[in-house]
């Protein structure tokens, strides 16, 4: 059984900008702050984490995803700030994403089709973000983060399906299917 999630994957230019943000953060952080940085090829914005799925459920999901419609040719998003997730006292560093109408509609469509397959979509408030790093222990040594001079604007034209696995103490993600808008 595969652990599946649906996400938007940054293109090469946005990925470079995210790596740049991480480099700036690394300069601010103490070397012994116990951070695990997200791998350069693991950046994504989760739309829906489904969890374990049987192969036939995955195939049904693929069929349903063919029906997804996005207003316009792409979803336009902005990275607005660097912060902690899900709140100021958390141990996860993220790049927060704006929630435009297009993203809300896409997420609603994805939730509806995931629900049709029989998966619970009752998730808490959606806060789109890109995970940058995680603190290994609960007592992180600082609160100050970099401030973006202006939002980083980007667009997405694909919806990606990932398989997630946990091996040797590390989570890995592998894209298994891509859908054009």
C-alpha atoms as a PDB file:
ATOM      1  CA  UNK A   1       0.000   0.000   0.000  1.00  0.00           C
ATOM      2  CA  UNK A   2       1.410   3.400  -1.004  1.00  0.00           C
ATOM      3  CA  UNK A   3       1.208   6.641   1.016  1.00  0.00           C
ATOM      4  CA  UNK A   4      -0.046   9.209  -1.472  1.00  0.00           C
ATOM      5  CA  UNK A   5      -0.308  12.984  -1.544  1.00  0.00           C
ATOM      6  CA  UNK A   6      -1.294  15.507  -4.208  1.00  0.00           C
ATOM      7  CA  UNK A   7       0.841  18.620  -4.606  1.00  0.00           C
ATOM      8  CA  UNK A   8       2.090  21.471  -6.742  1.00  0.00           C
ATOM      9  CA  UNK A   9       5.795  21.205  -7.585  1.00  0.00           C
ATOM     10  CA  UNK A  10       7.937  24.332  -8.080  1.00  0.00           C
ATOM     11  CA  UNK A  11       9.568  24.781 -11.459  1.00  0.00           C
ATOM     12  CA  UNK A  12      13.355  25.133 -11.699  1.00  0.00           C
ATOM     13  CA  UNK A  13      13.318  28.949 -11.269  1.00  0.00           C
ATOM     14  CA  UNK A  14      11.135  28.884  -8.166  1.00  0.00           C
ATOM     15  CA  UNK A  15      13.146  26.004  -6.746  1.00  0.00           C
ATOM     16  CA  UNK A  16      16.311  28.136  -7.097  1.00  0.00           C
ATOM     17  CA  UNK A  17      14.588  30.981  -5.224  1.00  0.00           C
ATOM     18  CA  UNK A  18      13.571  28.587  -2.434  1.00  0.00           C
ATOM     19  CA  UNK A  19      17.154  27.312  -2.200  1.00  0.00           C
ATOM     20  CA  UNK A  20      18.246  30.980  -1.978  1.00  0.00           C
ATOM     21  CA  UNK A  21      15.851  31.572   0.926  1.00  0.00           C
ATOM     22  CA  UNK A  22      17.278  28.520   2.681  1.00  0.00           C
ATOM     23  CA  UNK A  23      20.832  29.827   2.153  1.00  0.00           C
ATOM     24  CA  UNK A  24      19.877  33.147   3.781  1.00  0.00           C
ATOM     25  CA  UNK A  25      18.308  31.291   6.700  1.00  0.00           C
ATOM     26  CA  UNK A  26      21.418  29.145   7.145  1.00  0.00           C
ATOM     27  CA  UNK A  27      23.471  32.330   7.611  1.00  0.00           C
ATOM     28  CA  UNK A  28      21.168  33.405  10.478  1.00  0.00           C
ATOM     29  CA  UNK A  29      21.096  30.092  12.273  1.00  0.00           C
ATOM     30  CA  UNK A  30      23.534  28.761  14.809  1.00  0.00           C
ATOM     31  CA  UNK A  31      25.458  25.778  13.502  1.00  0.00           C
ATOM     32  CA  UNK A  32      24.320  23.666  16.467  1.00  0.00           C
ATOM     33  CA  UNK A  33      20.627  24.565  16.156  1.00  0.00           C
ATOM     34  CA  UNK A  34      19.739  21.001  15.147  1.00  0.00           C
ATOM     35  CA  UNK A  35      17.991  21.602  11.830  1.00  0.00           C
ATOM     36  CA  UNK A  36      17.174  19.097   9.130  1.00  0.00           C
ATOM     37  CA  UNK A  37      16.818  20.908   5.807  1.00  0.00           C
ATOM     38  CA  UNK A  38      14.379  19.747   3.152  1.00  0.00           C
ATOM     39  CA  UNK A  39      16.200  18.183   0.223  1.00  0.00           C
ATOM     40  CA  UNK A  40      16.519  20.433  -2.828  1.00  0.00           C
ATOM     41  CA  UNK A  41      14.256  18.185  -4.913  1.00  0.00           C
ATOM     42  CA  UNK A  42      11.557  17.732  -2.233  1.00  0.00           C
ATOM     43  CA  UNK A  43       9.977  21.200  -2.319  1.00  0.00           C
ATOM     44  CA  UNK A  44       6.234  21.148  -2.933  1.00  0.00           C
ATOM     45  CA  UNK A  45       2.912  22.651  -1.852  1.00  0.00           C
ATOM     46  CA  UNK A  46       0.642  19.914  -0.563  1.00  0.00           C
ATOM     47  CA  UNK A  47      -2.934  20.177  -1.794  1.00  0.00           C
ATOM     48  CA  UNK A  48      -4.134  17.002  -0.076  1.00  0.00           C
ATOM     49  CA  UNK A  49      -2.326  14.311   1.899  1.00  0.00           C
ATOM     50  CA  UNK A  50      -4.416  11.191   1.370  1.00  0.00           C
ATOM     51  CA  UNK A  51      -2.329   8.519   3.081  1.00  0.00           C
ATOM     52  CA  UNK A  52      -2.217   4.782   2.340  1.00  0.00           C
ATOM     53  CA  UNK A  53      -3.965   3.806  -0.912  1.00  0.00           C
ATOM     54  CA  UNK A  54      -4.428   0.526  -2.720  1.00  0.00           C
ATOM     55  CA  UNK A  55      -3.342   0.397  -6.403  1.00  0.00           C
ATOM     56  CA  UNK A  56      -6.964   0.294  -7.622  1.00  0.00           C
ATOM     57  CA  UNK A  57      -7.784   3.411  -5.554  1.00  0.00           C
ATOM     58  CA  UNK A  58      -4.824   5.201  -7.095  1.00  0.00           C
ATOM     59  CA  UNK A  59      -6.057   4.310 -10.596  1.00  0.00           C
ATOM     60  CA  UNK A  60      -9.556   5.591  -9.749  1.00  0.00           C
ATOM     61  CA  UNK A  61      -8.017   8.805  -8.438  1.00  0.00           C
ATOM     62  CA  UNK A  62      -6.055   9.216 -11.685  1.00  0.00           C
ATOM     63  CA  UNK A  63      -9.272   8.900 -13.698  1.00  0.00           C
ATOM     64  CA  UNK A  64     -10.986  11.499 -11.535  1.00  0.00           C
ATOM     65  CA  UNK A  65      -8.040  13.911 -11.682  1.00  0.00           C
ATOM     66  CA  UNK A  66      -8.378  14.025 -15.472  1.00  0.00           C
ATOM     67  CA  UNK A  67     -11.606  15.972 -14.795  1.00  0.00           C
ATOM     68  CA  UNK A  68      -9.955  18.742 -12.730  1.00  0.00           C
ATOM     69  CA  UNK A  69     -10.424  22.171 -14.275  1.00  0.00           C
ATOM     70  CA  UNK A  70      -8.501  25.303 -13.397  1.00  0.00           C
ATOM     71  CA  UNK A  71      -9.708  28.739 -14.419  1.00  0.00           C
ATOM     72  CA  UNK A  72      -7.003  30.094 -16.713  1.00  0.00           C
ATOM     73  CA  UNK A  73      -3.904  28.302 -17.934  1.00  0.00           C
ATOM     74  CA  UNK A  74      -2.122  28.242 -14.572  1.00  0.00           C
ATOM     75  CA  UNK A  75      -2.513  28.876 -10.869  1.00  0.00           C
ATOM     76  CA  UNK A  76      -0.755  32.063  -9.842  1.00  0.00           C
ATOM     77  CA  UNK A  77       0.674  32.032  -6.328  1.00  0.00           C
ATOM     78  CA  UNK A  78       2.932  34.155  -4.158  1.00  0.00           C
ATOM     79  CA  UNK A  79       5.369  33.222  -1.440  1.00  0.00           C
ATOM     80  CA  UNK A  80       4.553  35.911   1.095  1.00  0.00           C
ATOM     81  CA  UNK A  81       6.784  35.227   4.099  1.00  0.00           C
ATOM     82  CA  UNK A  82       9.033  32.844   5.957  1.00  0.00           C
ATOM     83  CA  UNK A  83       7.614  31.647   9.267  1.00  0.00           C
ATOM     84  CA  UNK A  84       6.995  28.683  11.530  1.00  0.00           C
ATOM     85  CA  UNK A  85       4.291  26.104  10.857  1.00  0.00           C
ATOM     86  CA  UNK A  86       1.597  25.740  11.989  1.00  0.00           C
ATOM     87  CA  UNK A  87       2.236  28.560  14.503  1.00  0.00           C
ATOM     88  CA  UNK A  88       4.967  30.715  16.055  1.00  0.00           C
ATOM     89  CA  UNK A  89       5.886  28.048  18.631  1.00  0.00           C
ATOM     90  CA  UNK A  90       6.387  25.232  16.115  1.00  0.00           C
ATOM     91  CA  UNK A  91       9.570  23.514  14.970  1.00  0.00           C
ATOM     92  CA  UNK A  92       8.969  23.634  11.209  1.00  0.00           C
ATOM     93  CA  UNK A  93      10.350  26.487   9.040  1.00  0.00           C
ATOM     94  CA  UNK A  94       8.223  27.230   5.982  1.00  0.00           C
ATOM     95  CA  UNK A  95       7.682  29.615   3.107  1.00  0.00           C
ATOM     96  CA  UNK A  96       4.022  30.629   3.363  1.00  0.00           C
ATOM     97  CA  UNK A  97       1.904  30.789   0.216  1.00  0.00           C
ATOM     98  CA  UNK A  98      -0.999  33.128  -0.521  1.00  0.00           C
ATOM     99  CA  UNK A  99      -4.407  31.480  -0.991  1.00  0.00           C
ATOM    100  CA  UNK A 100      -5.933  32.931  -4.162  1.00  0.00           C
ATOM    101  CA  UNK A 101      -9.366  31.874  -5.409  1.00  0.00           C
ATOM    102  CA  UNK A 102      -7.811  29.539  -8.012  1.00  0.00           C
ATOM    103  CA  UNK A 103      -5.973  27.576  -5.314  1.00  0.00           C
ATOM    104  CA  UNK A 104      -9.103  27.364  -3.143  1.00  0.00           C
ATOM    105  CA  UNK A 105     -11.116  26.018  -6.094  1.00  0.00           C
ATOM    106  CA  UNK A 106      -8.415  23.493  -7.011  1.00  0.00           C
ATOM    107  CA  UNK A 107      -8.228  22.263  -3.434  1.00  0.00           C
ATOM    108  CA  UNK A 108     -12.037  21.940  -3.250  1.00  0.00           C
ATOM    109  CA  UNK A 109     -12.094  19.896  -6.475  1.00  0.00           C
ATOM    110  CA  UNK A 110      -9.301  17.632  -5.221  1.00  0.00           C
ATOM    111  CA  UNK A 111     -11.041  17.130  -1.872  1.00  0.00           C
ATOM    112  CA  UNK A 112     -14.306  16.244  -3.612  1.00  0.00           C
ATOM    113  CA  UNK A 113     -12.690  13.582  -5.806  1.00  0.00           C
ATOM    114  CA  UNK A 114     -10.688  12.144  -2.896  1.00  0.00           C
ATOM    115  CA  UNK A 115     -13.944  11.946  -0.942  1.00  0.00           C
ATOM    116  CA  UNK A 116     -15.607  10.074  -3.855  1.00  0.00           C
ATOM    117  CA  UNK A 117     -12.942   7.376  -3.557  1.00  0.00           C
ATOM    118  CA  UNK A 118     -13.804   7.031   0.126  1.00  0.00           C
ATOM    119  CA  UNK A 119     -11.126   9.047   1.895  1.00  0.00           C
ATOM    120  CA  UNK A 120     -11.817  11.537   4.667  1.00  0.00           C
ATOM    121  CA  UNK A 121     -11.120  15.099   3.577  1.00  0.00           C
ATOM    122  CA  UNK A 122     -12.051  16.755   6.851  1.00  0.00           C
ATOM    123  CA  UNK A 123      -8.726  18.495   7.316  1.00  0.00           C
ATOM    124  CA  UNK A 124      -8.071  21.410   9.620  1.00  0.00           C
ATOM    125  CA  UNK A 125      -7.607  24.899   8.202  1.00  0.00           C
ATOM    126  CA  UNK A 126      -5.535  24.803   5.056  1.00  0.00           C
ATOM    127  CA  UNK A 127      -2.283  26.783   5.236  1.00  0.00           C
ATOM    128  CA  UNK A 128      -0.377  26.287   1.982  1.00  0.00           C
ATOM    129  CA  UNK A 129       3.376  26.348   2.450  1.00  0.00           C
ATOM    130  CA  UNK A 130       6.688  24.921   1.323  1.00  0.00           C
ATOM    131  CA  UNK A 131       8.618  23.188   4.111  1.00  0.00           C
ATOM    132  CA  UNK A 132      12.179  24.490   4.338  1.00  0.00           C
ATOM    133  CA  UNK A 133      13.519  22.786   7.485  1.00  0.00           C
ATOM    134  CA  UNK A 134      12.618  21.097  10.773  1.00  0.00           C
ATOM    135  CA  UNK A 135      14.201  21.546  14.169  1.00  0.00           C
ATOM    136  CA  UNK A 136      15.253  18.230  15.663  1.00  0.00           C
ATOM    137  CA  UNK A 137      14.373  19.233  19.218  1.00  0.00           C
ATOM    138  CA  UNK A 138      11.560  21.247  20.739  1.00  0.00           C
ATOM    139  CA  UNK A 139      13.714  24.106  22.042  1.00  0.00           C
ATOM    140  CA  UNK A 140      14.811  26.083  19.033  1.00  0.00           C
ATOM    141  CA  UNK A 141      17.418  28.769  19.643  1.00  0.00           C
ATOM    142  CA  UNK A 142      15.889  31.801  17.871  1.00  0.00           C
ATOM    143  CA  UNK A 143      12.693  33.487  16.757  1.00  0.00           C
ATOM    144  CA  UNK A 144      13.921  36.000  14.142  1.00  0.00           C
ATOM    145  CA  UNK A 145      13.596  35.030  10.476  1.00  0.00           C
ATOM    146  CA  UNK A 146      14.400  36.720   7.195  1.00  0.00           C
ATOM    147  CA  UNK A 147      11.826  39.100   5.760  1.00  0.00           C
ATOM    148  CA  UNK A 148      11.118  38.920   2.051  1.00  0.00           C
ATOM    149  CA  UNK A 149      11.504  42.337   0.418  1.00  0.00           C
ATOM    150  CA  UNK A 150       8.548  41.526  -1.801  1.00  0.00           C
ATOM    151  CA  UNK A 151       6.424  38.447  -2.484  1.00  0.00           C
ATOM    152  CA  UNK A 152       7.890  35.857  -4.841  1.00  0.00           C
ATOM    153  CA  UNK A 153       5.383  35.425  -7.666  1.00  0.00           C
ATOM    154  CA  UNK A 154       5.062  32.176  -9.552  1.00  0.00           C
ATOM    155  CA  UNK A 155       2.577  29.995 -11.380  1.00  0.00           C
ATOM    156  CA  UNK A 156       1.838  26.290 -11.607  1.00  0.00           C
ATOM    157  CA  UNK A 157       0.445  24.396 -14.596  1.00  0.00           C
ATOM    158  CA  UNK A 158       0.669  20.868 -13.198  1.00  0.00           C
ATOM    159  CA  UNK A 159      -0.858  18.849 -10.402  1.00  0.00           C
ATOM    160  CA  UNK A 160       1.470  16.115  -9.199  1.00  0.00           C
ATOM    161  CA  UNK A 161       0.883  12.835  -7.404  1.00  0.00           C
ATOM    162  CA  UNK A 162       3.593  11.741  -4.980  1.00  0.00           C
ATOM    163  CA  UNK A 163       4.339   8.545  -3.168  1.00  0.00           C
ATOM    164  CA  UNK A 164       5.849   9.107   0.261  1.00  0.00           C
ATOM    165  CA  UNK A 165       7.944   6.568   2.149  1.00  0.00           C
ATOM    166  CA  UNK A 166       9.914   6.523   5.362  1.00  0.00           C
ATOM    167  CA  UNK A 167      13.217   4.649   5.214  1.00  0.00           C
ATOM    168  CA  UNK A 168      16.277   4.726   7.461  1.00  0.00           C
ATOM    169  CA  UNK A 169      14.821   7.580   9.504  1.00  0.00           C
ATOM    170  CA  UNK A 170      14.165   9.792   6.470  1.00  0.00           C
ATOM    171  CA  UNK A 171      11.045  10.625   4.507  1.00  0.00           C
ATOM    172  CA  UNK A 172      11.397  10.472   0.749  1.00  0.00           C
ATOM    173  CA  UNK A 173       8.989  11.605  -1.946  1.00  0.00           C
ATOM    174  CA  UNK A 174       8.743  10.275  -5.460  1.00  0.00           C
ATOM    175  CA  UNK A 175       6.545  11.860  -8.115  1.00  0.00           C
ATOM    176  CA  UNK A 176       4.516   9.088  -9.738  1.00  0.00           C
ATOM    177  CA  UNK A 177       2.152  11.018 -12.035  1.00  0.00           C
ATOM    178  CA  UNK A 178       1.669  14.545 -13.401  1.00  0.00           C
ATOM    179  CA  UNK A 179      -1.551  16.153 -14.664  1.00  0.00           C
ATOM    180  CA  UNK A 180      -1.659  19.299 -16.813  1.00  0.00           C
ATOM    181  CA  UNK A 181      -4.283  21.910 -16.042  1.00  0.00           C
END
